[in-house]
Structures are given as C-alpha cells and as structure tokens.
Amino acid sequence: MKKIILCLCTLFLLSACEGNQTQRVINSFTPDVPNHFHFVVFYENAIPDAAYQSTLKGMKVFLARKNIQSNISYQKIATKKRDYNESLQVEDKQVIVFDYKGIRFNARNVKVLEGMILQVTR
C-alpha cells in the first residue's frame, strides 16, 4: 500500500514539473507590456523562405498602423538546451504569437494567422 502511494506521489510531482517547464518556456517569449505581440516562428532545419518572412513582416507593419508593437523571432525546434516540440508541441514553420498574458495565437499556416490578426484588429 505504501509503495502504491509513493508511486502516485512521484507521478504527481513529475507531471507538476513538466507543467512548470512549459510555463517557463511561455514566460521566456511573453512580452512585459500590453499592446505588444511577439511572433515566434519555429523551424526544424532552415529558417523559412523569403516569401514566408515577407508575409510576417507585412503583418508587423499592419499591426504598427493599429498602434500595436510587434517583433518576430525564429527558433529552432530542437537545440541542445531545449526541445520546443516537447514543451509546446510545435511543428516546422508553426507560428505562436505571444502577448503579455501568454499565448495569443497558434497557427501552423501563415495564411490562417493573417486571418486571426485581421479579426483581432477590427
């Protein structure tokens, strides 16, 4: 009986630590001020092509016209320090947009993200 309780407590603690790791990753990308978006593009081998980057820069300009600051960063999915696939379940060319509260948008297609951005700025 004691072994079962000990195993359950161990599993609970391990699952709690996993949640904290995800929250730490989210906090590392979250901006500190309102009206600020941080676009994070995740990639496996190479940074997305120029057309993809141009689409994101267009969204950044559009948001600037609406008085919303934004910045774009590119993160390799698996590095020596972190594996974002484990913590955020991201795929190649997936974009996650963070605001001061945490994750605001999550899109695997940049065209879908454009639609989300247009909806929020109306």
C-alpha atoms as a PDB file:
ATOM      1  CA  MET A   1       0.000   0.000   0.000  1.00  0.00           C
ATOM      2  CA  LYS A   2       2.807   2.411   0.872  1.00  0.00           C
ATOM      3  CA  LYS A   3       4.545   1.622  -2.420  1.00  0.00           C
ATOM      4  CA  ILE A   4       1.427   2.485  -4.409  1.00  0.00           C
ATOM      5  CA  ILE A   5       1.014   5.797  -2.600  1.00  0.00           C
ATOM      6  CA  LEU A   6       4.701   6.573  -3.091  1.00  0.00           C
ATOM      7  CA  CYS A   7       4.444   5.802  -6.826  1.00  0.00           C
ATOM      8  CA  LEU A   8       1.361   8.019  -7.177  1.00  0.00           C
ATOM      9  CA  CYS A   9       3.086  10.881  -5.370  1.00  0.00           C
ATOM     10  CA  THR A  10       6.137  10.515  -7.607  1.00  0.00           C
ATOM     11  CA  LEU A  11       3.992  10.588 -10.755  1.00  0.00           C
ATOM     12  CA  PHE A  12       2.164  13.655  -9.490  1.00  0.00           C
ATOM     13  CA  LEU A  13       5.405  15.511  -8.820  1.00  0.00           C
ATOM     14  CA  LEU A  14       6.824  14.595 -12.227  1.00  0.00           C
ATOM     15  CA  SER A  15       3.704  15.839 -14.008  1.00  0.00           C
ATOM     16  CA  ALA A  16       3.794  19.074 -12.000  1.00  0.00           C
ATOM     17  CA  CYS A  17       7.421  19.663 -13.014  1.00  0.00           C
ATOM     18  CA  GLU A  18       6.528  19.153 -16.685  1.00  0.00           C
ATOM     19  CA  GLY A  19       3.839  21.828 -16.458  1.00  0.00           C
ATOM     20  CA  ASN A  20       6.305  24.242 -14.903  1.00  0.00           C
ATOM     21  CA  GLN A  21       8.743  23.688 -17.775  1.00  0.00           C
ATOM     22  CA  THR A  22       6.058  24.603 -20.306  1.00  0.00           C
ATOM     23  CA  GLN A  23       5.155  27.714 -18.341  1.00  0.00           C
ATOM     24  CA  ARG A  24       8.816  28.761 -18.161  1.00  0.00           C
ATOM     25  CA  VAL A  25       9.106  28.456 -21.948  1.00  0.00           C
ATOM     26  CA  ILE A  26       5.953  30.527 -22.434  1.00  0.00           C
ATOM     27  CA  ASN A  27       7.216  33.172 -20.000  1.00  0.00           C
ATOM     28  CA  SER A  28      10.514  33.442 -21.878  1.00  0.00           C
ATOM     29  CA  PHE A  29       8.658  34.595 -25.021  1.00  0.00           C
ATOM     30  CA  THR A  30       5.968  36.701 -23.339  1.00  0.00           C
ATOM     31  CA  PRO A  31       6.378  40.499 -23.649  1.00  0.00           C
ATOM     32  CA  ASP A  32       6.027  42.592 -20.500  1.00  0.00           C
ATOM     33  CA  VAL A  33       3.698  45.292 -21.816  1.00  0.00           C
ATOM     34  CA  PRO A  34       0.176  45.317 -23.283  1.00  0.00           C
ATOM     35  CA  ASN A  35      -0.317  46.051 -26.988  1.00  0.00           C
ATOM     36  CA  HIS A  36       2.813  44.151 -27.911  1.00  0.00           C
ATOM     37  CA  PHE A  37       2.919  40.891 -29.867  1.00  0.00           C
ATOM     38  CA  HIS A  38       5.899  38.568 -30.126  1.00  0.00           C
ATOM     39  CA  PHE A  39       5.770  36.311 -33.196  1.00  0.00           C
ATOM     40  CA  VAL A  40       7.885  33.181 -32.728  1.00  0.00           C
ATOM     41  CA  VAL A  41       8.426  31.030 -35.816  1.00  0.00           C
ATOM     42  CA  PHE A  42       9.650  27.507 -35.111  1.00  0.00           C
ATOM     43  CA  TYR A  43      11.669  25.651 -37.731  1.00  0.00           C
ATOM     44  CA  GLU A  44      13.449  22.306 -37.982  1.00  0.00           C
ATOM     45  CA  ASN A  45      16.394  22.735 -40.352  1.00  0.00           C
ATOM     46  CA  ALA A  46      16.352  26.112 -42.074  1.00  0.00           C
ATOM     47  CA  ILE A  47      14.682  29.448 -41.427  1.00  0.00           C
ATOM     48  CA  PRO A  48      11.565  29.805 -43.629  1.00  0.00           C
ATOM     49  CA  ASP A  49      11.979  31.313 -47.090  1.00  0.00           C
ATOM     50  CA  ALA A  50      11.798  34.994 -48.001  1.00  0.00           C
ATOM     51  CA  ALA A  51       8.122  34.870 -49.032  1.00  0.00           C
ATOM     52  CA  TYR A  52       7.168  33.481 -45.620  1.00  0.00           C
ATOM     53  CA  GLN A  53       9.235  36.138 -43.842  1.00  0.00           C
ATOM     54  CA  SER A  54       7.734  38.847 -46.042  1.00  0.00           C
ATOM     55  CA  THR A  55       4.222  37.796 -45.026  1.00  0.00           C
ATOM     56  CA  LEU A  56       5.157  38.082 -41.360  1.00  0.00           C
ATOM     57  CA  LYS A  57       6.766  41.488 -41.908  1.00  0.00           C
ATOM     58  CA  GLY A  58       3.561  42.622 -43.620  1.00  0.00           C
ATOM     59  CA  MET A  59       1.580  41.637 -40.523  1.00  0.00           C
ATOM     60  CA  LYS A  60       4.075  43.545 -38.384  1.00  0.00           C
ATOM     61  CA  VAL A  61       3.565  46.699 -40.482  1.00  0.00           C
ATOM     62  CA  PHE A  62      -0.220  46.264 -40.337  1.00  0.00           C
ATOM     63  CA  LEU A  63      -0.115  45.970 -36.547  1.00  0.00           C
ATOM     64  CA  ALA A  64       2.122  49.048 -36.302  1.00  0.00           C
ATOM     65  CA  ARG A  65      -0.566  51.038 -38.114  1.00  0.00           C
ATOM     66  CA  LYS A  66      -3.012  49.886 -35.422  1.00  0.00           C
ATOM     67  CA  ASN A  67      -0.592  51.042 -32.663  1.00  0.00           C
ATOM     68  CA  ILE A  68       0.370  47.500 -31.694  1.00  0.00           C
ATOM     69  CA  GLN A  69       4.093  46.882 -31.416  1.00  0.00           C
ATOM     70  CA  SER A  70       5.429  43.529 -32.532  1.00  0.00           C
ATOM     71  CA  ASN A  71       8.646  41.674 -33.102  1.00  0.00           C
ATOM     72  CA  ILE A  72       9.493  38.457 -34.906  1.00  0.00           C
ATOM     73  CA  SER A  73      11.961  35.820 -33.803  1.00  0.00           C
ATOM     74  CA  TYR A  74      12.941  32.448 -35.225  1.00  0.00           C
ATOM     75  CA  GLN A  75      13.616  29.440 -33.010  1.00  0.00           C
ATOM     76  CA  LYS A  76      14.995  26.084 -33.981  1.00  0.00           C
ATOM     77  CA  ILE A  77      12.675  23.368 -32.627  1.00  0.00           C
ATOM     78  CA  ALA A  78      15.361  21.142 -31.141  1.00  0.00           C
ATOM     79  CA  THR A  79      18.521  22.640 -29.648  1.00  0.00           C
ATOM     80  CA  LYS A  80      20.996  21.392 -27.077  1.00  0.00           C
ATOM     81  CA  LYS A  81      19.328  23.445 -24.345  1.00  0.00           C
ATOM     82  CA  ARG A  82      15.644  22.993 -25.207  1.00  0.00           C
ATOM     83  CA  ASP A  83      13.295  20.888 -27.258  1.00  0.00           C
ATOM     84  CA  TYR A  84      10.283  23.052 -28.039  1.00  0.00           C
ATOM     85  CA  ASN A  85       8.467  20.068 -29.522  1.00  0.00           C
ATOM     86  CA  GLU A  86       8.267  18.529 -26.050  1.00  0.00           C
ATOM     87  CA  SER A  87       7.235  21.677 -24.199  1.00  0.00           C
ATOM     88  CA  LEU A  88       4.994  23.423 -26.767  1.00  0.00           C
ATOM     89  CA  GLN A  89       4.208  20.602 -29.254  1.00  0.00           C
ATOM     90  CA  VAL A  90       5.300  22.707 -32.235  1.00  0.00           C
ATOM     91  CA  GLU A  91       5.956  21.649 -35.819  1.00  0.00           C
ATOM     92  CA  ASP A  92       8.054  23.044 -38.657  1.00  0.00           C
ATOM     93  CA  LYS A  93       7.006  26.589 -39.720  1.00  0.00           C
ATOM     94  CA  GLN A  94       4.477  26.866 -36.911  1.00  0.00           C
ATOM     95  CA  VAL A  95       3.947  30.380 -35.559  1.00  0.00           C
ATOM     96  CA  ILE A  96       2.949  31.139 -31.994  1.00  0.00           C
ATOM     97  CA  VAL A  97       2.057  34.724 -31.135  1.00  0.00           C
ATOM     98  CA  PHE A  98       2.554  35.789 -27.530  1.00  0.00           C
ATOM     99  CA  ASP A  99       1.108  38.825 -25.790  1.00  0.00           C
ATOM    100  CA  TYR A 100       1.543  39.972 -22.192  1.00  0.00           C
ATOM    101  CA  LYS A 101      -0.915  37.312 -20.943  1.00  0.00           C
ATOM    102  CA  GLY A 102       0.763  34.364 -22.687  1.00  0.00           C
ATOM    103  CA  ILE A 103      -0.084  32.575 -25.933  1.00  0.00           C
ATOM    104  CA  ARG A 104      -2.475  34.672 -28.032  1.00  0.00           C
ATOM    105  CA  PHE A 105      -2.465  32.802 -31.370  1.00  0.00           C
ATOM    106  CA  ASN A 106      -1.156  29.445 -32.512  1.00  0.00           C
ATOM    107  CA  ALA A 107      -1.132  28.733 -36.250  1.00  0.00           C
ATOM    108  CA  ARG A 108       0.516  26.122 -38.421  1.00  0.00           C
ATOM    109  CA  ASN A 109      -0.262  28.114 -41.557  1.00  0.00           C
ATOM    110  CA  VAL A 110       0.758  31.737 -42.020  1.00  0.00           C
ATOM    111  CA  LYS A 111      -2.396  32.493 -44.063  1.00  0.00           C
ATOM    112  CA  VAL A 112      -4.575  31.358 -41.152  1.00  0.00           C
ATOM    113  CA  LEU A 113      -2.545  33.605 -38.866  1.00  0.00           C
ATOM    114  CA  GLU A 114      -3.221  36.554 -41.173  1.00  0.00           C
ATOM    115  CA  GLY A 115      -6.942  35.974 -40.734  1.00  0.00           C
ATOM    116  CA  MET A 116      -6.574  35.833 -36.961  1.00  0.00           C
ATOM    117  CA  ILE A 117      -4.643  39.106 -36.915  1.00  0.00           C
ATOM    118  CA  LEU A 118      -7.258  40.796 -39.100  1.00  0.00           C
ATOM    119  CA  GLN A 119     -10.044  39.645 -36.754  1.00  0.00           C
ATOM    120  CA  VAL A 120      -8.362  40.966 -33.618  1.00  0.00           C
ATOM    121  CA  THR A 121      -7.670  44.429 -35.034  1.00  0.00           C
ATOM    122  CA  ARG A 122     -11.226  45.217 -36.121  1.00  0.00           C
END
